């Protein structure tokens, strides 16, 4: 999951670097692209380290064959993304490669946001490894389109007897806020 989060963050940083490209010196853009390439390399190393750890699990090769295959594909695309960023290229080609990495990671039932927990004979439980969520759904940090917000009534701890302020207080507050907005008024 941390690899997925890192890749999403890398894609966002790549977009920011591309958007800032016209406003920065070429050397600065090259430096940013090289830093992004280094981050991609670190994510690939983490991915490469994860594969033998999964294989070392009891029956890991059998139970997680799909995940091992996907992680191997992820590592290949990460090498491609690293090379693109090192050119330096923070444009659509780099973002597409990073998005492909995210899509592959989402196919893994160990990372599938729809997958359930659980135990028994199938560790990790739910999700067959397929997800209807695309990497575009993970655009931007903290965005949750399925979020449900509930408006709760907040009551005052004291002075609950009236819902309005006395007229003299309202007039004073109006004057105060008007002066904040227009200090010359």
N, C-alpha and C. Protein backbone atom coordinates (compact mmCIF):
# COMPACT_ATOMS: atom_id res chain seq x y z
N UNK A 1 0.82 -1.18 0.00
CA UNK A 1 0.00 0.00 0.00
C UNK A 1 0.87 1.26 0.00
N UNK A 2 1.98 1.22 0.71
CA UNK A 2 2.87 2.38 0.77
C UNK A 2 3.51 2.64 -0.59
N UNK A 3 3.76 1.58 -1.35
CA UNK A 3 4.29 1.76 -2.69
C UNK A 3 3.26 2.46 -3.56
N UNK A 4 2.01 2.05 -3.45
CA UNK A 4 0.93 2.69 -4.20
C UNK A 4 0.82 4.17 -3.82
N UNK A 5 0.83 4.47 -2.54
CA UNK A 5 0.75 5.86 -2.09
C UNK A 5 1.95 6.67 -2.60
N UNK A 6 3.12 6.06 -2.56
CA UNK A 6 4.32 6.73 -3.05
C UNK A 6 4.23 7.03 -4.54
N UNK A 7 3.68 6.08 -5.29
CA UNK A 7 3.55 6.27 -6.74
C UNK A 7 2.52 7.36 -7.07
N UNK A 8 1.44 7.39 -6.31
CA UNK A 8 0.43 8.44 -6.51
C UNK A 8 1.04 9.81 -6.22
N UNK A 9 1.79 9.89 -5.14
CA UNK A 9 2.45 11.16 -4.79
C UNK A 9 3.48 11.55 -5.85
N UNK A 10 4.21 10.57 -6.36
CA UNK A 10 5.19 10.83 -7.41
C UNK A 10 4.50 11.38 -8.66
N UNK A 11 3.37 10.79 -9.02
CA UNK A 11 2.64 11.27 -10.19
C UNK A 11 2.18 12.72 -9.99
N UNK A 12 1.70 13.02 -8.79
CA UNK A 12 1.29 14.41 -8.51
C UNK A 12 2.48 15.36 -8.59
N UNK A 13 3.62 14.95 -8.04
CA UNK A 13 4.82 15.79 -8.08
C UNK A 13 5.32 15.97 -9.51
N UNK A 14 5.15 14.94 -10.34
CA UNK A 14 5.53 15.03 -11.75
C UNK A 14 4.65 16.04 -12.47
N UNK A 15 3.36 16.00 -12.18
CA UNK A 15 2.44 16.98 -12.78
C UNK A 15 2.81 18.41 -12.36
N UNK A 16 3.13 18.58 -11.10
CA UNK A 16 3.51 19.91 -10.60
C UNK A 16 4.79 20.38 -11.30
N UNK A 17 5.76 19.49 -11.44
CA UNK A 17 7.02 19.86 -12.11
C UNK A 17 6.76 20.25 -13.56
N UNK A 18 5.87 19.53 -14.23
CA UNK A 18 5.55 19.84 -15.63
C UNK A 18 4.84 21.18 -15.73
N UNK A 19 3.93 21.45 -14.81
CA UNK A 19 3.20 22.72 -14.82
C UNK A 19 4.13 23.90 -14.52
N UNK A 20 5.13 23.67 -13.69
CA UNK A 20 6.06 24.73 -13.31
C UNK A 20 7.16 24.93 -14.33
N UNK A 21 7.29 24.03 -15.27
CA UNK A 21 8.39 24.06 -16.24
C UNK A 21 8.55 25.40 -16.94
N UNK A 22 7.47 26.04 -17.43
CA UNK A 22 7.66 27.34 -18.11
C UNK A 22 8.14 28.45 -17.18
N UNK A 23 7.92 28.29 -15.88
CA UNK A 23 8.23 29.36 -14.93
C UNK A 23 9.60 29.22 -14.27
N UNK A 24 10.28 28.10 -14.51
CA UNK A 24 11.58 27.88 -13.85
C UNK A 24 12.69 27.78 -14.88
N UNK A 25 13.89 27.98 -14.42
CA UNK A 25 15.06 27.83 -15.29
C UNK A 25 15.20 26.36 -15.70
N UNK A 26 15.78 26.13 -16.85
CA UNK A 26 15.94 24.77 -17.36
C UNK A 26 16.73 23.89 -16.38
N UNK A 27 17.77 24.45 -15.77
CA UNK A 27 18.59 23.67 -14.83
C UNK A 27 17.75 23.20 -13.63
N UNK A 28 16.86 24.09 -13.17
CA UNK A 28 16.00 23.74 -12.04
C UNK A 28 15.04 22.63 -12.42
N UNK A 29 14.49 22.69 -13.64
CA UNK A 29 13.59 21.64 -14.10
C UNK A 29 14.33 20.31 -14.22
N UNK A 30 15.54 20.36 -14.74
CA UNK A 30 16.35 19.14 -14.86
C UNK A 30 16.59 18.54 -13.48
N UNK A 31 16.89 19.40 -12.51
CA UNK A 31 17.13 18.93 -11.13
C UNK A 31 15.87 18.29 -10.54
N UNK A 32 14.71 18.93 -10.77
CA UNK A 32 13.44 18.37 -10.28
C UNK A 32 13.18 17.01 -10.91
N UNK A 33 13.38 16.91 -12.22
CA UNK A 33 13.15 15.65 -12.92
C UNK A 33 14.09 14.56 -12.41
N UNK A 34 15.33 14.93 -12.14
CA UNK A 34 16.29 13.95 -11.60
C UNK A 34 15.87 13.48 -10.20
N UNK A 35 15.36 14.40 -9.39
CA UNK A 35 14.87 14.01 -8.06
C UNK A 35 13.69 13.05 -8.19
N UNK A 36 12.78 13.35 -9.11
CA UNK A 36 11.63 12.47 -9.34
C UNK A 36 12.08 11.11 -9.84
N UNK A 37 13.08 11.10 -10.70
CA UNK A 37 13.65 9.84 -11.19
C UNK A 37 14.23 9.02 -10.03
N UNK A 38 14.89 9.71 -9.11
CA UNK A 38 15.45 9.03 -7.93
C UNK A 38 14.36 8.45 -7.04
N UNK A 39 13.27 9.18 -6.89
CA UNK A 39 12.14 8.66 -6.10
C UNK A 39 11.56 7.42 -6.76
N UNK A 40 11.43 7.47 -8.11
CA UNK A 40 10.90 6.31 -8.83
C UNK A 40 11.82 5.11 -8.64
N UNK A 41 13.12 5.36 -8.65
CA UNK A 41 14.09 4.28 -8.46
C UNK A 41 13.91 3.64 -7.07
N UNK A 42 13.73 4.48 -6.05
CA UNK A 42 13.54 3.95 -4.69
C UNK A 42 12.26 3.13 -4.60
N UNK A 43 11.20 3.58 -5.26
CA UNK A 43 9.95 2.81 -5.25
C UNK A 43 10.13 1.47 -5.95
N UNK A 44 10.92 1.46 -7.03
CA UNK A 44 11.18 0.20 -7.72
C UNK A 44 11.98 -0.75 -6.83
N UNK A 45 12.97 -0.23 -6.13
CA UNK A 45 13.77 -1.06 -5.22
C UNK A 45 12.86 -1.68 -4.15
N UNK A 46 11.94 -0.88 -3.61
CA UNK A 46 11.00 -1.40 -2.60
C UNK A 46 10.13 -2.49 -3.20
N UNK A 47 9.72 -2.29 -4.45
CA UNK A 47 8.90 -3.30 -5.13
C UNK A 47 9.70 -4.58 -5.33
N UNK A 48 10.95 -4.42 -5.79
CA UNK A 48 11.82 -5.58 -5.98
C UNK A 48 12.05 -6.33 -4.67
N UNK A 49 12.18 -5.61 -3.57
CA UNK A 49 12.38 -6.23 -2.26
C UNK A 49 11.13 -6.97 -1.78
N UNK A 50 9.98 -6.52 -2.22
CA UNK A 50 8.72 -7.10 -1.77
C UNK A 50 8.48 -8.49 -2.37
N UNK A 51 8.90 -8.70 -3.59
CA UNK A 51 8.63 -9.96 -4.28
C UNK A 51 9.21 -11.16 -3.52
N UNK A 52 10.49 -11.15 -3.15
CA UNK A 52 11.01 -12.32 -2.40
C UNK A 52 10.37 -12.46 -1.01
N UNK A 53 9.95 -11.35 -0.43
CA UNK A 53 9.28 -11.44 0.88
C UNK A 53 7.93 -12.14 0.74
N UNK A 54 7.23 -11.89 -0.34
CA UNK A 54 5.95 -12.58 -0.58
C UNK A 54 6.20 -14.05 -0.84
N UNK A 55 7.22 -14.34 -1.63
CA UNK A 55 7.54 -15.75 -1.93
C UNK A 55 7.92 -16.51 -0.66
N UNK A 56 8.51 -15.81 0.30
CA UNK A 56 8.96 -16.47 1.54
C UNK A 56 7.80 -16.81 2.47
N UNK A 57 6.63 -16.24 2.24
CA UNK A 57 5.46 -16.57 3.06
C UNK A 57 5.09 -18.03 2.86
N UNK A 58 4.46 -18.65 3.87
CA UNK A 58 4.01 -20.03 3.68
C UNK A 58 3.07 -20.11 2.46
N UNK A 59 3.44 -20.93 1.53
CA UNK A 59 2.71 -21.09 0.27
C UNK A 59 2.59 -19.78 -0.50
N UNK A 60 3.52 -18.87 -0.28
CA UNK A 60 3.48 -17.56 -0.91
C UNK A 60 3.49 -17.63 -2.42
N UNK A 61 4.32 -18.52 -2.96
CA UNK A 61 4.41 -18.66 -4.42
C UNK A 61 3.08 -19.09 -5.02
N UNK A 62 2.35 -19.91 -4.29
CA UNK A 62 1.07 -20.42 -4.79
C UNK A 62 -0.07 -19.44 -4.53
N UNK A 63 -0.17 -18.99 -3.30
CA UNK A 63 -1.29 -18.13 -2.92
C UNK A 63 -1.22 -16.74 -3.55
N UNK A 64 -0.01 -16.27 -3.81
CA UNK A 64 0.16 -14.91 -4.30
C UNK A 64 0.84 -14.87 -5.66
N UNK A 65 0.60 -15.88 -6.48
CA UNK A 65 1.21 -15.93 -7.81
C UNK A 65 0.82 -14.72 -8.65
N UNK A 66 -0.44 -14.33 -8.59
CA UNK A 66 -0.91 -13.18 -9.37
C UNK A 66 -0.22 -11.90 -8.90
N UNK A 67 -0.11 -11.72 -7.59
CA UNK A 67 0.52 -10.52 -7.06
C UNK A 67 2.00 -10.47 -7.43
N UNK A 68 2.67 -11.60 -7.39
CA UNK A 68 4.09 -11.66 -7.76
C UNK A 68 4.26 -11.28 -9.22
N UNK A 69 3.38 -11.81 -10.08
CA UNK A 69 3.44 -11.47 -11.50
C UNK A 69 3.19 -9.97 -11.71
N UNK A 70 2.18 -9.43 -11.02
CA UNK A 70 1.86 -8.01 -11.16
C UNK A 70 3.01 -7.13 -10.67
N UNK A 71 3.60 -7.50 -9.53
CA UNK A 71 4.71 -6.72 -9.00
C UNK A 71 5.92 -6.76 -9.93
N UNK A 72 6.11 -7.89 -10.61
CA UNK A 72 7.19 -7.98 -11.60
C UNK A 72 6.92 -7.03 -12.76
N UNK A 73 5.68 -6.97 -13.21
CA UNK A 73 5.31 -6.03 -14.27
C UNK A 73 5.46 -4.59 -13.79
N UNK A 74 5.07 -4.34 -12.55
CA UNK A 74 5.19 -3.00 -11.97
C UNK A 74 6.65 -2.55 -12.00
N UNK A 75 7.56 -3.45 -11.61
CA UNK A 75 8.98 -3.10 -11.58
C UNK A 75 9.49 -2.73 -12.97
N UNK A 76 9.04 -3.45 -13.99
CA UNK A 76 9.46 -3.15 -15.37
C UNK A 76 8.98 -1.75 -15.78
N UNK A 77 7.72 -1.44 -15.50
CA UNK A 77 7.18 -0.12 -15.87
C UNK A 77 7.85 0.98 -15.04
N UNK A 78 8.19 0.67 -13.80
CA UNK A 78 8.88 1.66 -12.96
C UNK A 78 10.25 2.01 -13.55
N UNK A 79 10.95 1.02 -14.09
CA UNK A 79 12.25 1.28 -14.72
C UNK A 79 12.04 2.20 -15.92
N UNK A 80 10.99 1.95 -16.69
CA UNK A 80 10.67 2.80 -17.83
C UNK A 80 10.36 4.24 -17.37
N UNK A 81 9.54 4.37 -16.33
CA UNK A 81 9.19 5.70 -15.81
C UNK A 81 10.43 6.43 -15.31
N UNK A 82 11.31 5.71 -14.64
CA UNK A 82 12.55 6.31 -14.13
C UNK A 82 13.38 6.85 -15.28
N UNK A 83 13.49 6.08 -16.36
CA UNK A 83 14.26 6.51 -17.53
C UNK A 83 13.64 7.74 -18.19
N UNK A 84 12.33 7.76 -18.28
CA UNK A 84 11.64 8.91 -18.89
C UNK A 84 11.89 10.16 -18.06
N UNK A 85 11.78 10.04 -16.74
CA UNK A 85 12.01 11.20 -15.87
C UNK A 85 13.45 11.68 -15.94
N UNK A 86 14.39 10.75 -16.14
CA UNK A 86 15.80 11.11 -16.19
C UNK A 86 16.18 11.82 -17.49
N UNK A 87 15.31 11.83 -18.51
CA UNK A 87 15.64 12.44 -19.81
C UNK A 87 15.94 13.93 -19.76
N UNK A 88 15.41 14.84 -19.15
CA UNK A 88 14.28 14.91 -18.23
C UNK A 88 12.98 15.15 -18.99
N UNK A 89 11.99 14.35 -18.68
CA UNK A 89 10.68 14.48 -19.28
C UNK A 89 9.64 14.30 -18.17
N UNK A 90 8.95 15.36 -17.83
CA UNK A 90 7.91 15.30 -16.81
C UNK A 90 6.52 15.43 -17.44
N UNK A 91 6.46 15.26 -18.76
CA UNK A 91 5.21 15.43 -19.48
C UNK A 91 4.33 14.19 -19.47
N UNK A 92 3.49 14.13 -20.47
CA UNK A 92 2.48 13.08 -20.56
C UNK A 92 3.04 11.67 -20.57
N UNK A 93 4.19 11.48 -21.19
CA UNK A 93 4.79 10.14 -21.25
C UNK A 93 5.15 9.63 -19.85
N UNK A 94 5.74 10.50 -19.04
CA UNK A 94 6.11 10.12 -17.67
C UNK A 94 4.86 9.87 -16.83
N UNK A 95 3.89 10.75 -16.97
CA UNK A 95 2.65 10.61 -16.19
C UNK A 95 1.91 9.34 -16.60
N UNK A 96 1.93 9.02 -17.90
CA UNK A 96 1.28 7.80 -18.37
C UNK A 96 1.95 6.56 -17.79
N UNK A 97 3.27 6.55 -17.75
CA UNK A 97 3.99 5.41 -17.18
C UNK A 97 3.68 5.26 -15.68
N UNK A 98 3.65 6.38 -14.97
CA UNK A 98 3.33 6.34 -13.54
C UNK A 98 1.89 5.88 -13.32
N UNK A 99 0.99 6.30 -14.19
CA UNK A 99 -0.40 5.87 -14.09
C UNK A 99 -0.52 4.37 -14.35
N UNK A 100 0.27 3.87 -15.30
CA UNK A 100 0.26 2.43 -15.57
C UNK A 100 0.72 1.65 -14.34
N UNK A 101 1.73 2.16 -13.65
CA UNK A 101 2.19 1.52 -12.42
C UNK A 101 1.05 1.46 -11.41
N UNK A 102 0.35 2.58 -11.24
CA UNK A 102 -0.76 2.64 -10.29
C UNK A 102 -1.85 1.66 -10.68
N UNK A 103 -2.18 1.60 -11.97
CA UNK A 103 -3.21 0.67 -12.44
C UNK A 103 -2.82 -0.77 -12.13
N UNK A 104 -1.58 -1.12 -12.36
CA UNK A 104 -1.12 -2.49 -12.07
C UNK A 104 -1.18 -2.78 -10.58
N UNK A 105 -0.78 -1.82 -9.77
CA UNK A 105 -0.83 -2.03 -8.31
C UNK A 105 -2.27 -2.22 -7.84
N UNK A 106 -3.20 -1.52 -8.46
CA UNK A 106 -4.61 -1.64 -8.07
C UNK A 106 -5.19 -3.01 -8.42
N UNK A 107 -4.58 -3.71 -9.34
CA UNK A 107 -5.07 -5.04 -9.73
C UNK A 107 -4.74 -6.10 -8.69
N UNK A 108 -3.83 -5.79 -7.80
CA UNK A 108 -3.43 -6.75 -6.78
C UNK A 108 -4.45 -6.80 -5.66
N UNK A 109 -4.84 -8.00 -5.25
CA UNK A 109 -5.83 -8.08 -4.17
C UNK A 109 -5.24 -7.64 -2.84
N UNK A 110 -3.93 -7.60 -2.72
CA UNK A 110 -3.32 -7.13 -1.49
C UNK A 110 -3.43 -5.62 -1.38
N UNK A 111 -3.67 -4.93 -2.49
CA UNK A 111 -3.73 -3.49 -2.49
C UNK A 111 -5.13 -3.02 -2.86
N UNK A 112 -5.95 -3.89 -3.36
CA UNK A 112 -7.28 -3.54 -3.84
C UNK A 112 -8.08 -2.81 -2.77
N UNK A 113 -8.47 -1.55 -3.02
CA UNK A 113 -9.22 -0.81 -2.02
C UNK A 113 -10.60 -1.41 -1.76
N UNK A 114 -11.09 -2.26 -2.65
CA UNK A 114 -12.39 -2.90 -2.45
C UNK A 114 -12.27 -4.23 -1.73
N UNK A 115 -11.05 -4.73 -1.58
CA UNK A 115 -10.85 -6.04 -0.97
C UNK A 115 -11.10 -5.99 0.51
N UNK A 116 -11.59 -7.09 1.04
CA UNK A 116 -11.87 -7.14 2.47
C UNK A 116 -10.74 -7.79 3.21
N UNK A 117 -10.83 -7.73 4.51
CA UNK A 117 -9.86 -8.41 5.34
C UNK A 117 -10.31 -9.82 5.57
N UNK A 118 -9.88 -10.39 6.63
CA UNK A 118 -10.37 -11.71 6.95
C UNK A 118 -9.25 -12.71 7.02
N UNK A 119 -9.62 -13.88 7.40
CA UNK A 119 -8.62 -14.93 7.55
C UNK A 119 -9.08 -16.17 6.85
N UNK A 120 -8.84 -17.28 7.47
CA UNK A 120 -9.25 -18.55 6.88
C UNK A 120 -8.26 -19.01 5.85
N UNK A 121 -8.75 -19.79 4.89
CA UNK A 121 -7.85 -20.38 3.91
C UNK A 121 -7.40 -19.38 2.85
N UNK A 122 -7.99 -18.22 2.82
CA UNK A 122 -7.62 -17.20 1.83
C UNK A 122 -7.21 -15.92 2.55
N UNK A 123 -5.93 -15.81 2.97
CA UNK A 123 -5.51 -14.61 3.66
C UNK A 123 -5.79 -13.37 2.81
N UNK A 124 -6.19 -12.31 3.46
CA UNK A 124 -6.51 -11.10 2.72
C UNK A 124 -7.96 -11.07 2.33
N UNK A 125 -8.58 -12.22 2.30
CA UNK A 125 -10.01 -12.32 2.09
C UNK A 125 -10.49 -11.87 0.75
N UNK A 126 -11.25 -10.79 0.73
CA UNK A 126 -12.05 -10.37 -0.40
C UNK A 126 -11.30 -10.10 -1.67
N UNK A 127 -11.96 -9.46 -2.58
CA UNK A 127 -11.40 -9.07 -3.86
C UNK A 127 -10.68 -10.16 -4.59
N UNK A 128 -11.08 -10.46 -5.78
CA UNK A 128 -10.40 -11.46 -6.59
C UNK A 128 -9.20 -10.88 -7.28
N UNK A 129 -8.82 -9.68 -6.94
CA UNK A 129 -7.67 -9.07 -7.58
C UNK A 129 -8.08 -8.10 -8.67
N UNK A 130 -9.35 -8.05 -8.99
CA UNK A 130 -9.81 -7.12 -10.01
C UNK A 130 -10.47 -5.95 -9.31
N UNK A 131 -10.28 -4.78 -9.88
CA UNK A 131 -10.88 -3.60 -9.29
C UNK A 131 -11.53 -2.77 -10.37
N UNK A 132 -12.65 -2.21 -10.06
CA UNK A 132 -13.30 -1.32 -11.01
C UNK A 132 -12.81 0.10 -10.83
N UNK A 133 -12.02 0.35 -9.80
CA UNK A 133 -11.46 1.68 -9.58
C UNK A 133 -10.25 1.87 -10.48
N UNK A 134 -10.18 3.00 -11.12
CA UNK A 134 -9.02 3.28 -11.95
C UNK A 134 -8.08 4.20 -11.19
N UNK A 135 -6.87 4.30 -11.68
CA UNK A 135 -5.88 5.15 -11.02
C UNK A 135 -6.32 6.60 -11.01
N UNK A 136 -7.14 6.99 -11.96
CA UNK A 136 -7.61 8.37 -12.00
C UNK A 136 -8.46 8.68 -10.77
N UNK A 137 -9.07 7.64 -10.19
CA UNK A 137 -9.88 7.84 -8.99
C UNK A 137 -9.02 8.27 -7.81
N UNK A 138 -7.73 8.00 -7.89
CA UNK A 138 -6.83 8.34 -6.80
C UNK A 138 -6.12 9.66 -7.04
N UNK A 139 -6.64 10.45 -7.96
CA UNK A 139 -6.04 11.73 -8.28
C UNK A 139 -6.12 12.67 -7.09
N UNK A 140 -4.99 13.15 -6.66
CA UNK A 140 -4.95 14.12 -5.58
C UNK A 140 -5.12 13.48 -4.21
N UNK A 141 -4.40 13.98 -3.27
CA UNK A 141 -4.47 13.46 -1.91
C UNK A 141 -5.69 13.96 -1.19
N UNK A 142 -6.30 13.10 -0.41
CA UNK A 142 -7.39 13.50 0.44
C UNK A 142 -8.73 13.62 -0.26
N UNK A 143 -8.79 13.32 -1.54
CA UNK A 143 -10.05 13.41 -2.26
C UNK A 143 -10.75 12.06 -2.14
N UNK A 144 -11.94 12.09 -1.61
CA UNK A 144 -12.71 10.87 -1.47
C UNK A 144 -14.11 11.15 -1.99
N UNK A 145 -14.36 10.76 -3.24
CA UNK A 145 -15.64 11.06 -3.85
C UNK A 145 -16.78 10.30 -3.19
N UNK A 146 -16.49 9.22 -2.48
CA UNK A 146 -17.53 8.43 -1.81
C UNK A 146 -17.78 8.90 -0.38
N UNK A 147 -17.12 9.97 -0.02
CA UNK A 147 -17.26 10.50 1.33
C UNK A 147 -18.70 10.96 1.56
N UNK A 148 -19.20 10.66 2.74
CA UNK A 148 -20.53 11.12 3.12
C UNK A 148 -20.36 12.07 4.30
N UNK A 149 -20.76 13.29 4.11
CA UNK A 149 -20.66 14.28 5.18
C UNK A 149 -22.02 14.44 5.82
N UNK A 150 -22.00 14.50 7.13
CA UNK A 150 -23.24 14.65 7.88
C UNK A 150 -23.17 15.97 8.63
N UNK A 151 -24.18 16.80 8.44
CA UNK A 151 -24.25 18.07 9.15
C UNK A 151 -24.84 17.81 10.53
N UNK A 152 -24.10 18.13 11.55
CA UNK A 152 -24.57 17.93 12.91
C UNK A 152 -24.86 19.28 13.54
N UNK A 153 -25.93 19.32 14.30
CA UNK A 153 -26.25 20.55 15.03
C UNK A 153 -25.30 20.70 16.19
N UNK A 154 -24.75 21.89 16.33
CA UNK A 154 -23.84 22.17 17.42
C UNK A 154 -24.55 23.13 18.37
N UNK A 155 -24.62 22.75 19.61
CA UNK A 155 -25.29 23.57 20.61
C UNK A 155 -24.27 24.29 21.46
N UNK A 156 -24.63 25.48 21.88
CA UNK A 156 -23.75 26.24 22.76
C UNK A 156 -23.76 25.61 24.15
N UNK A 157 -22.63 25.68 24.80
CA UNK A 157 -22.56 25.13 26.14
C UNK A 157 -23.31 26.02 27.13
N UNK A 158 -23.35 27.30 26.84
CA UNK A 158 -24.08 28.24 27.71
C UNK A 158 -24.91 29.17 26.86
N UNK A 159 -25.90 29.80 27.44
CA UNK A 159 -26.69 30.79 26.73
C UNK A 159 -27.53 30.22 25.61
N UNK A 160 -28.11 29.06 25.82
CA UNK A 160 -28.89 28.40 24.79
C UNK A 160 -30.31 28.96 24.70
N UNK A 161 -30.65 29.96 25.50
CA UNK A 161 -32.03 30.42 25.58
C UNK A 161 -32.44 31.25 24.37
N UNK A 162 -31.49 31.86 23.66
CA UNK A 162 -31.86 32.67 22.50
C UNK A 162 -30.92 32.37 21.34
N UNK A 163 -31.43 32.46 20.13
CA UNK A 163 -30.61 32.15 18.98
C UNK A 163 -30.02 33.40 18.34
N UNK A 164 -30.43 34.59 18.79
CA UNK A 164 -29.90 35.83 18.20
C UNK A 164 -29.24 36.67 19.28
N UNK A 165 -28.35 37.52 18.82
CA UNK A 165 -27.67 38.44 19.73
C UNK A 165 -28.54 39.68 19.93
N UNK A 166 -28.36 40.34 21.05
CA UNK A 166 -29.07 41.61 21.25
C UNK A 166 -28.69 42.61 20.15
N UNK A 167 -29.59 43.50 19.82
CA UNK A 167 -29.41 44.45 18.72
C UNK A 167 -28.12 45.26 18.86
N UNK A 168 -27.78 45.72 20.07
CA UNK A 168 -26.59 46.54 20.24
C UNK A 168 -25.31 45.75 19.92
N UNK A 169 -25.31 44.43 20.21
CA UNK A 169 -24.16 43.60 19.88
C UNK A 169 -24.07 43.39 18.37
N UNK A 170 -25.22 43.13 17.73
CA UNK A 170 -25.21 42.93 16.28
C UNK A 170 -24.72 44.18 15.56
N UNK A 171 -25.17 45.34 15.99
CA UNK A 171 -24.74 46.58 15.37
C UNK A 171 -23.23 46.78 15.54
N UNK A 172 -22.72 46.50 16.73
CA UNK A 172 -21.29 46.63 16.99
C UNK A 172 -20.47 45.65 16.16
N UNK A 173 -20.92 44.41 16.07
CA UNK A 173 -20.21 43.41 15.26
C UNK A 173 -20.24 43.78 13.78
N UNK A 174 -21.40 44.28 13.29
CA UNK A 174 -21.48 44.70 11.89
C UNK A 174 -20.47 45.81 11.62
N UNK A 175 -20.38 46.78 12.50
CA UNK A 175 -19.43 47.88 12.35
C UNK A 175 -18.00 47.36 12.37
N UNK A 176 -17.70 46.45 13.26
CA UNK A 176 -16.37 45.86 13.38
C UNK A 176 -15.97 45.17 12.08
N UNK A 177 -16.85 44.31 11.57
CA UNK A 177 -16.54 43.56 10.34
C UNK A 177 -16.49 44.48 9.13
N UNK A 178 -17.31 45.51 9.08
CA UNK A 178 -17.24 46.46 7.98
C UNK A 178 -15.91 47.18 7.96
N UNK A 179 -15.36 47.51 9.12
CA UNK A 179 -14.08 48.20 9.19
C UNK A 179 -12.94 47.27 8.82
N UNK A 180 -13.08 45.99 9.12
CA UNK A 180 -12.05 45.02 8.72
C UNK A 180 -12.00 44.93 7.20
N UNK A 181 -13.16 44.84 6.58
CA UNK A 181 -13.23 44.73 5.14
C UNK A 181 -12.77 46.02 4.47
N UNK A 182 -13.20 47.16 4.97
CA UNK A 182 -12.83 48.45 4.39
C UNK A 182 -12.29 49.33 5.52
N UNK A 183 -10.96 49.27 5.78
CA UNK A 183 -10.39 50.01 6.91
C UNK A 183 -10.54 51.54 6.78
N UNK A 184 -10.76 52.06 5.60
CA UNK A 184 -10.93 53.52 5.41
C UNK A 184 -12.36 53.96 5.59
N UNK A 185 -13.26 52.99 5.72
CA UNK A 185 -14.69 53.31 5.79
C UNK A 185 -15.10 53.52 7.16
